[in-house]
C-alpha cells in the first residue's frame, strides 16, 4: 500500500483540522463519520498540507488575524429568513 498505509494523512473540514497522522483508510473512515454528522468541507490531505492550512488560518500576510467567517449554514438560514 505504500504511502496510503503510512500515518501521514489528515482530515480537514470547515472547522479546521479534525485529525492528523492517520493511515489513509482511517482518515477516510473519519471523513465518512463526520459527513454523517453533517460536517462540511471535508477533505483528506497530507499532514504537511494540514499544517500549512492551520498556519494560514491563524494570521494573514500582514500578521493580523483574519476576520471570522460565518458558517455556511448560518448564512443560508439568514438568507432564507429575509425572503
Protein backbone atom coordinates (compact mmCIF):
# COMPACT_ATOMS: atom_id res chain seq x y z
CA UNK A 1 0.00 0.00 0.00
CA UNK A 2 2.98 2.33 0.28
CA UNK A 3 2.10 5.88 1.26
CA UNK A 4 -1.55 5.06 1.90
CA UNK A 5 -0.59 2.84 4.83
CA UNK A 6 1.72 5.44 6.36
CA UNK A 7 0.44 7.64 9.17
CA UNK A 8 0.83 10.82 7.15
CA UNK A 9 -2.79 11.75 6.41
CA UNK A 10 -5.02 14.40 7.98
CA UNK A 11 -8.74 15.20 7.76
CA UNK A 12 -9.75 18.84 7.43
CA UNK A 13 -13.19 20.42 7.45
CA UNK A 14 -14.81 23.84 7.58
CA UNK A 15 -13.96 23.80 11.30
CA UNK A 16 -10.24 23.24 10.70
CA UNK A 17 -8.05 20.20 11.15
CA UNK A 18 -10.07 17.31 12.60
CA UNK A 19 -7.21 14.77 12.95
CA UNK A 20 -3.62 14.19 11.81
CA UNK A 21 -1.13 11.34 11.45
CA UNK A 22 -3.63 8.70 10.33
CA UNK A 23 -3.31 5.94 7.74
CA UNK A 24 -5.40 6.84 4.68
CA UNK A 25 -8.07 4.19 5.38
CA UNK A 26 -8.57 5.54 8.90
CA UNK A 27 -8.75 9.12 7.58
CA UNK A 28 -11.37 8.07 5.02
CA UNK A 29 -13.39 6.39 7.78
CA UNK A 30 -13.26 9.52 9.93
CA UNK A 31 -14.35 11.58 6.95
CA UNK A 32 -17.39 9.30 6.43
CA UNK A 33 -18.30 9.57 10.13
CA UNK A 34 -18.04 13.37 10.07
CA UNK A 35 -20.10 13.50 6.89
CA UNK A 36 -22.80 11.59 8.77
CA UNK A 37 -22.66 14.36 11.39
CA UNK A 38 -23.29 16.86 8.58
CA UNK A 39 -19.84 18.49 8.82
CA UNK A 40 -19.00 20.33 5.58
CA UNK A 41 -15.78 20.93 3.68
CA UNK A 42 -14.27 17.52 4.39
CA UNK A 43 -11.04 16.51 2.71
CA UNK A 44 -8.16 14.08 3.29
CA UNK A 45 -4.78 15.79 2.87
CA UNK A 46 -1.21 15.14 3.96
CA UNK A 47 -0.08 16.25 7.41
CA UNK A 48 2.16 18.84 5.74
CA UNK A 49 -0.77 20.39 3.88
CA UNK A 50 -2.90 20.44 7.04
CA UNK A 51 -0.12 22.23 8.93
CA UNK A 52 0.15 24.87 6.20
CA UNK A 53 -3.62 25.40 6.31
CA UNK A 54 -3.55 25.79 10.09
CA UNK A 55 -0.77 28.38 9.84
CA UNK A 56 -2.71 30.26 7.18
CA UNK A 57 -5.84 30.39 9.36
CA UNK A 58 -4.06 31.93 12.32
CA UNK A 59 -2.61 35.00 10.63
CA UNK A 60 -2.91 36.86 7.36
CA UNK A 61 0.17 38.03 5.40
CA UNK A 62 0.20 41.34 7.30
CA UNK A 63 0.26 39.46 10.64
CA UNK A 64 -3.31 40.24 11.67
CA UNK A 65 -5.85 37.60 12.49
CA UNK A 66 -8.26 37.22 9.54
CA UNK A 67 -11.91 38.13 10.10
CA UNK A 68 -14.07 35.26 11.32
CA UNK A 69 -16.34 33.82 8.70
CA UNK A 70 -19.86 32.71 9.44
CA UNK A 71 -20.57 29.02 8.81
CA UNK A 72 -22.42 28.42 5.55
CA UNK A 73 -25.45 27.06 7.37
CA UNK A 74 -25.92 30.34 9.28
CA UNK A 75 -25.58 32.33 6.07
CA UNK A 76 -28.23 30.18 4.33
CA UNK A 77 -30.60 30.50 7.30
CA UNK A 78 -30.29 34.28 7.31
CA UNK A 79 -30.91 34.50 3.58
CA UNK A 80 -33.98 32.25 3.91
CA UNK A 81 -35.32 34.38 6.78
CA UNK A 82 -35.08 37.53 4.66
CA UNK A 83 -37.26 36.11 1.88
